[in-house]
C-alpha atoms as a PDB file:
ATOM      1  CA  MET A   1      -0.170  -0.019   0.090  1.00  0.00           C
ATOM      2  CA  ALA A   2       1.342   3.430  -0.808  1.00  0.00           C
ATOM      3  CA  LYS A   3       2.048   5.326   2.093  1.00  0.00           C
ATOM      4  CA  VAL A   4      -0.671   8.216   2.838  1.00  0.00           C
ATOM      5  CA  GLU A   5       0.917  11.797   3.303  1.00  0.00           C
ATOM      6  CA  LEU A   6      -1.786  14.370   3.565  1.00  0.00           C
ATOM      7  CA  GLU A   7      -1.773  17.616   2.287  1.00  0.00           C
ATOM      8  CA  ARG A   8       1.405  17.198  -0.270  1.00  0.00           C
ATOM      9  CA  ASN A   9       1.226  16.517  -4.011  1.00  0.00           C
ATOM     10  CA  GLY A  10       1.968  13.082  -5.632  1.00  0.00           C
ATOM     11  CA  ARG A  11       2.704  12.040  -9.112  1.00  0.00           C
ATOM     12  CA  ILE A  12       0.245   8.259  -9.311  1.00  0.00           C
ATOM     13  CA  LEU A  13       3.194   5.641 -10.665  1.00  0.00           C
ATOM     14  CA  SER A  14       0.502   3.173 -10.804  1.00  0.00           C
ATOM     15  CA  GLY A  15      -3.110   2.063  -9.823  1.00  0.00           C
ATOM     16  CA  PHE A  16      -6.309   3.342 -10.370  1.00  0.00           C
ATOM     17  CA  TYR A  17      -5.626   7.040 -12.196  1.00  0.00           C
ATOM     18  CA  GLU A  18      -2.285   6.301 -13.184  1.00  0.00           C
ATOM     19  CA  GLY A  19       0.102   9.162 -14.323  1.00  0.00           C
ATOM     20  CA  TYR A  20      -2.149  12.021 -12.505  1.00  0.00           C
ATOM     21  CA  PHE A  21      -1.250  13.655  -9.352  1.00  0.00           C
ATOM     22  CA  VAL A  22      -2.595  13.453  -6.315  1.00  0.00           C
ATOM     23  CA  LYS A  23      -3.197  15.685  -3.188  1.00  0.00           C
ATOM     24  CA  LEU A  24      -5.131  14.035   0.262  1.00  0.00           C
ATOM     25  CA  HIS A  25      -6.239  17.032   2.170  1.00  0.00           C
ATOM     26  CA  ASP A  26      -7.424  16.641   5.456  1.00  0.00           C
ATOM     27  CA  ASP A  27     -11.193  18.625   5.763  1.00  0.00           C
ATOM     28  CA  SER A  28     -11.807  17.050   9.537  1.00  0.00           C
ATOM     29  CA  GLU A  29     -12.464  20.862  10.681  1.00  0.00           C
ATOM     30  CA  VAL A  30     -14.846  21.243   8.087  1.00  0.00           C
ATOM     31  CA  THR A  31     -17.193  18.273   6.862  1.00  0.00           C
ATOM     32  CA  GLY A  32     -15.458  15.814   9.032  1.00  0.00           C
ATOM     33  CA  GLY A  33     -12.980  13.510   6.554  1.00  0.00           C
ATOM     34  CA  TYR A  34     -11.067  14.210   3.997  1.00  0.00           C
ATOM     35  CA  TYR A  35     -10.992  14.932   0.369  1.00  0.00           C
ATOM     36  CA  ILE A  36      -8.776  13.185  -2.286  1.00  0.00           C
ATOM     37  CA  TYR A  37      -8.004  15.416  -5.191  1.00  0.00           C
ATOM     38  CA  LEU A  38      -6.446  14.003  -8.838  1.00  0.00           C
ATOM     39  CA  VAL A  39      -5.631  16.402 -11.139  1.00  0.00           C
ATOM     40  CA  ASN A  40      -3.469  15.958 -14.641  1.00  0.00           C
ATOM     41  CA  ASP A  41      -1.213  18.126 -14.175  1.00  0.00           C
ATOM     42  CA  LEU A  42      -0.363  20.664 -11.438  1.00  0.00           C
ATOM     43  CA  SER A  43       0.579  24.102 -13.425  1.00  0.00           C
ATOM     44  CA  THR A  44      -2.307  23.690 -15.999  1.00  0.00           C
ATOM     45  CA  PRO A  45      -4.655  21.160 -14.895  1.00  0.00           C
ATOM     46  CA  THR A  46      -7.342  19.806 -18.032  1.00  0.00           C
ATOM     47  CA  ASP A  47      -9.012  16.892 -16.400  1.00  0.00           C
ATOM     48  CA  GLY A  48      -9.127  15.741 -12.656  1.00  0.00           C
ATOM     49  CA  SER A  49     -11.458  14.779 -10.008  1.00  0.00           C
ATOM     50  CA  ASP A  50     -12.481  14.748  -6.313  1.00  0.00           C
ATOM     51  CA  TYR A  51     -13.587  11.780  -3.960  1.00  0.00           C
ATOM     52  CA  TRP A  52     -14.557  12.796  -0.298  1.00  0.00           C
ATOM     53  CA  VAL A  53     -14.001   9.789   2.355  1.00  0.00           C
ATOM     54  CA  ALA A  54     -15.362   9.938   5.981  1.00  0.00           C
ATOM     55  CA  ASP A  55     -12.618   9.144   8.045  1.00  0.00           C
ATOM     56  CA  ARG A  56      -8.995   7.905   7.998  1.00  0.00           C
ATOM     57  CA  ALA A  57      -9.524   4.272   7.877  1.00  0.00           C
ATOM     58  CA  GLU A  58     -11.738   4.799   4.620  1.00  0.00           C
ATOM     59  CA  LEU A  59      -9.145   6.993   3.197  1.00  0.00           C
ATOM     60  CA  GLU A  60      -5.938   4.666   3.759  1.00  0.00           C
ATOM     61  CA  SER A  61      -8.502   1.687   2.173  1.00  0.00           C
ATOM     62  CA  PHE A  62      -9.890   4.248  -0.442  1.00  0.00           C
ATOM     63  CA  VAL A  63      -6.128   3.974  -1.615  1.00  0.00           C
ATOM     64  CA  GLU A  64      -5.161   0.305  -0.423  1.00  0.00           C
ATOM     65  CA  SER A  65      -8.668  -0.441  -2.936  1.00  0.00           C
ATOM     66  CA  SER A  66      -6.577   1.593  -5.791  1.00  0.00           C
ATOM     67  CA  GLU A  67      -3.009  -0.016  -5.907  1.00  0.00           C
ATOM     68  CA  TRP A  68      -1.760   3.146  -6.077  1.00  0.00           C
ATOM     69  CA  GLU A  69       2.035   3.708  -6.429  1.00  0.00           C
ATOM     70  CA  ILE A  70       2.727   7.460  -4.827  1.00  0.00           C
ATOM     71  CA  GLU A  71       5.828   8.952  -5.677  1.00  0.00           C
ATOM     72  CA  TRP A  72       5.729  12.679  -2.945  1.00  0.00           C
ATOM     73  CA  ILE A  73       6.825  15.418  -4.470  1.00  0.00           C
ATOM     74  CA  SER A  74       9.173  17.545  -2.667  1.00  0.00           C
ATOM     75  CA  GLU A  75       7.498  21.002  -1.850  1.00  0.00           C
END
């Protein structure tokens, strides 16, 4: 399973959405859950999606079921 890192951009090297960039956002103070943001390009995205999960366990399950290998990008 890919390491779950919050508030960092990462490139999906394999799995669902391969080649896209992902950012996992802790939104627990507002919605109580987490957002998963996906875009095809960080500087000029033309395609993307987002998902919301209720808690950390569901976030980790989402990442695992997506079979992601993520390369986290240094900011």
